[in-house]
C-alpha atoms as a PDB file:
ATOM      1  CA  MET A   1      -4.663 -59.427  56.411  1.00  0.00           C
ATOM      2  CA  PRO A   2      -3.942 -55.989  54.963  1.00  0.00           C
ATOM      3  CA  LEU A   3      -4.230 -53.376  57.478  1.00  0.00           C
ATOM      4  CA  ALA A   4      -5.924 -50.267  56.074  1.00  0.00           C
ATOM      5  CA  VAL A   5      -5.271 -46.738  57.579  1.00  0.00           C
ATOM      6  CA  GLY A   6      -7.715 -43.845  58.446  1.00  0.00           C
ATOM      7  CA  VAL A   7      -6.340 -40.658  58.960  1.00  0.00           C
ATOM      8  CA  ILE A   8      -8.580 -37.480  60.289  1.00  0.00           C
ATOM      9  CA  GLN A   9      -7.369 -34.006  59.843  1.00  0.00           C
ATOM     10  CA  THR A  10      -8.530 -30.478  61.833  1.00  0.00           C
ATOM     11  CA  SER A  11      -8.218 -26.547  62.468  1.00  0.00           C
ATOM     12  CA  GLY A  12      -7.703 -26.423  65.988  1.00  0.00           C
ATOM     13  CA  PHE A  13      -6.234 -29.081  68.843  1.00  0.00           C
ATOM     14  CA  PRO A  14      -9.749 -29.532  70.818  1.00  0.00           C
ATOM     15  CA  PRO A  15     -11.066 -31.829  67.376  1.00  0.00           C
ATOM     16  CA  VAL A  16      -8.664 -33.644  66.930  1.00  0.00           C
ATOM     17  CA  LEU A  17      -8.044 -34.777  70.415  1.00  0.00           C
ATOM     18  CA  ALA A  18     -11.840 -35.472  70.318  1.00  0.00           C
ATOM     19  CA  ALA A  19     -11.713 -37.882  67.591  1.00  0.00           C
ATOM     20  CA  ALA A  20      -8.413 -40.020  68.425  1.00  0.00           C
ATOM     21  CA  ASP A  21     -10.695 -40.479  71.489  1.00  0.00           C
ATOM     22  CA  ALA A  22     -13.539 -41.102  70.141  1.00  0.00           C
ATOM     23  CA  MET A  23     -11.843 -43.384  67.402  1.00  0.00           C
ATOM     24  CA  VAL A  24      -9.805 -46.058  69.919  1.00  0.00           C
ATOM     25  CA  LYS A  25     -12.948 -46.290  71.392  1.00  0.00           C
ATOM     26  CA  ALA A  26     -15.143 -47.319  68.856  1.00  0.00           C
ATOM     27  CA  GLY A  27     -12.798 -49.684  66.922  1.00  0.00           C
ATOM     28  CA  ARG A  28     -10.230 -52.043  67.346  1.00  0.00           C
ATOM     29  CA  VAL A  29      -8.269 -49.545  66.140  1.00  0.00           C
ATOM     30  CA  THR A  30      -4.097 -47.990  66.849  1.00  0.00           C
ATOM     31  CA  LEU A  31      -3.688 -45.074  66.948  1.00  0.00           C
ATOM     32  CA  VAL A  32       0.006 -45.037  64.998  1.00  0.00           C
ATOM     33  CA  TYR A  33       0.133 -41.505  63.894  1.00  0.00           C
ATOM     34  CA  TYR A  34      -0.497 -37.708  65.291  1.00  0.00           C
ATOM     35  CA  GLY A  35       1.421 -35.023  64.056  1.00  0.00           C
ATOM     36  CA  LEU A  36       0.737 -31.084  63.728  1.00  0.00           C
ATOM     37  CA  ALA A  37       0.783 -29.694  60.053  1.00  0.00           C
ATOM     38  CA  GLU A  38       0.594 -26.585  58.514  1.00  0.00           C
ATOM     39  CA  ARG A  39      -1.439 -23.597  60.165  1.00  0.00           C
ATOM     40  CA  ALA A  40      -2.146 -25.222  63.224  1.00  0.00           C
ATOM     41  CA  GLU A  41      -4.376 -28.313  61.654  1.00  0.00           C
ATOM     42  CA  PHE A  42      -2.696 -31.676  63.037  1.00  0.00           C
ATOM     43  CA  LEU A  43      -3.439 -35.017  62.149  1.00  0.00           C
ATOM     44  CA  VAL A  44      -4.391 -38.111  63.655  1.00  0.00           C
ATOM     45  CA  ALA A  45      -3.632 -41.594  61.900  1.00  0.00           C
ATOM     46  CA  ILE A  46      -5.804 -45.150  62.345  1.00  0.00           C
ATOM     47  CA  ARG A  47      -4.424 -49.038  61.702  1.00  0.00           C
ATOM     48  CA  GLY A  48      -6.726 -51.684  61.564  1.00  0.00           C
ATOM     49  CA  THR A  49      -8.965 -54.274  59.487  1.00  0.00           C
ATOM     50  CA  THR A  50     -10.672 -52.012  57.258  1.00  0.00           C
ATOM     51  CA  SER A  51     -14.155 -52.545  58.907  1.00  0.00           C
ATOM     52  CA  GLU A  52     -13.046 -51.337  62.177  1.00  0.00           C
ATOM     53  CA  VAL A  53     -11.047 -48.483  61.058  1.00  0.00           C
ATOM     54  CA  ARG A  54     -14.466 -47.728  59.189  1.00  0.00           C
ATOM     55  CA  ALA A  55     -16.493 -47.633  62.036  1.00  0.00           C
ATOM     56  CA  ALA A  56     -13.904 -45.953  63.609  1.00  0.00           C
ATOM     57  CA  MET A  57     -13.534 -43.013  61.381  1.00  0.00           C
ATOM     58  CA  ALA A  58     -17.205 -42.350  61.394  1.00  0.00           C
ATOM     59  CA  ALA A  59     -17.555 -41.576  65.062  1.00  0.00           C
ATOM     60  CA  GLY A  60     -13.968 -39.727  64.930  1.00  0.00           C
ATOM     61  CA  ILE A  61     -15.373 -37.148  62.098  1.00  0.00           C
ATOM     62  CA  GLU A  62     -18.945 -36.990  64.215  1.00  0.00           C
ATOM     63  CA  ALA A  63     -16.343 -36.035  67.404  1.00  0.00           C
ATOM     64  CA  ALA A  64     -14.671 -33.643  65.696  1.00  0.00           C
ATOM     65  CA  ASP A  65     -17.326 -31.928  63.786  1.00  0.00           C
ATOM     66  CA  THR A  66     -19.336 -31.493  67.516  1.00  0.00           C
ATOM     67  CA  ALA A  67     -16.178 -30.358  69.320  1.00  0.00           C
ATOM     68  CA  PRO A  68     -15.827 -27.370  71.317  1.00  0.00           C
ATOM     69  CA  PRO A  69     -15.378 -23.683  68.830  1.00  0.00           C
ATOM     70  CA  GLY A  70     -12.717 -22.892  67.737  1.00  0.00           C
ATOM     71  CA  GLY A  71     -11.752 -25.269  65.700  1.00  0.00           C
ATOM     72  CA  MET A  72     -13.324 -28.109  63.132  1.00  0.00           C
ATOM     73  CA  LEU A  73     -12.834 -30.730  60.293  1.00  0.00           C
ATOM     74  CA  VAL A  74     -10.639 -30.381  57.273  1.00  0.00           C
ATOM     75  CA  SER A  75     -10.368 -33.915  55.647  1.00  0.00           C
ATOM     76  CA  HIS A  76     -11.003 -37.534  56.251  1.00  0.00           C
ATOM     77  CA  TYR A  77      -9.585 -40.704  54.731  1.00  0.00           C
ATOM     78  CA  ILE A  78      -9.271 -44.424  54.219  1.00  0.00           C
ATOM     79  CA  VAL A  79      -6.975 -46.164  52.246  1.00  0.00           C
ATOM     80  CA  PRO A  80      -8.259 -49.856  52.495  1.00  0.00           C
ATOM     81  CA  ASN A  81      -5.208 -51.515  52.281  1.00  0.00           C
ATOM     82  CA  PRO A  82      -1.920 -49.114  51.347  1.00  0.00           C
ATOM     83  CA  PRO A  83       0.891 -50.859  49.199  1.00  0.00           C
ATOM     84  CA  GLU A  84       4.433 -51.212  50.815  1.00  0.00           C
ATOM     85  CA  ASN A  85       5.998 -48.134  49.092  1.00  0.00           C
ATOM     86  CA  VAL A  86       3.404 -46.704  50.592  1.00  0.00           C
ATOM     87  CA  GLU A  87       3.772 -47.970  54.104  1.00  0.00           C
ATOM     88  CA  SER A  88       7.822 -47.392  53.879  1.00  0.00           C
ATOM     89  CA  VAL A  89       7.557 -43.628  52.853  1.00  0.00           C
ATOM     90  CA  LEU A  90       4.243 -42.242  55.334  1.00  0.00           C
ATOM     91  CA  PRO A  91       4.492 -42.726  58.936  1.00  0.00           C
ATOM     92  CA  LEU A  92       2.167 -45.484  59.623  1.00  0.00           C
ATOM     93  CA  GLU A  93       4.113 -48.379  61.111  1.00  0.00           C
ATOM     94  CA  PHE A  94       3.227 -49.657  64.653  1.00  0.00           C
ATOM     95  CA  THR A  95       6.067 -48.599  66.453  1.00  0.00           C
ATOM     96  CA  SER A  96       8.143 -49.088  69.123  1.00  0.00           C
ATOM     97  CA  LYS A  97       5.675 -46.645  71.120  1.00  0.00           C
ATOM     98  CA  VAL A  98       2.239 -48.129  69.887  1.00  0.00           C
ATOM     99  CA  GLN A  99       3.474 -51.708  69.526  1.00  0.00           C
ATOM    100  CA  ARG A 100       1.750 -52.535  73.250  1.00  0.00           C
ATOM    101  CA  PHE A 101      -1.798 -50.942  71.744  1.00  0.00           C
ATOM    102  CA  TRP A 102      -1.931 -53.142  68.842  1.00  0.00           C
ATOM    103  CA  VAL A 103      -4.893 -54.743  68.407  1.00  0.00           C
END
């Protein structure tokens, strides 16, 4: 079964931390990527079944929107079935760091 990808981008660290926390608590998803983008913007990516990613993303978006002042939700998106060429180029695979958390 193909696994969906959900990504949240925030301005500032507190919203991305709140989003990541809410996402892994709201659905059977695995956090596969965290990174710093330009201008103090952060990205967090999760993988899981489409239904679990949708539920987790909803919780993450709400958490990022209500995070403490000084940061904000910039963007979010879900890719329900990423093709193999996207998975081979982007950092979306289950690395050895996250393999033990794979649900």
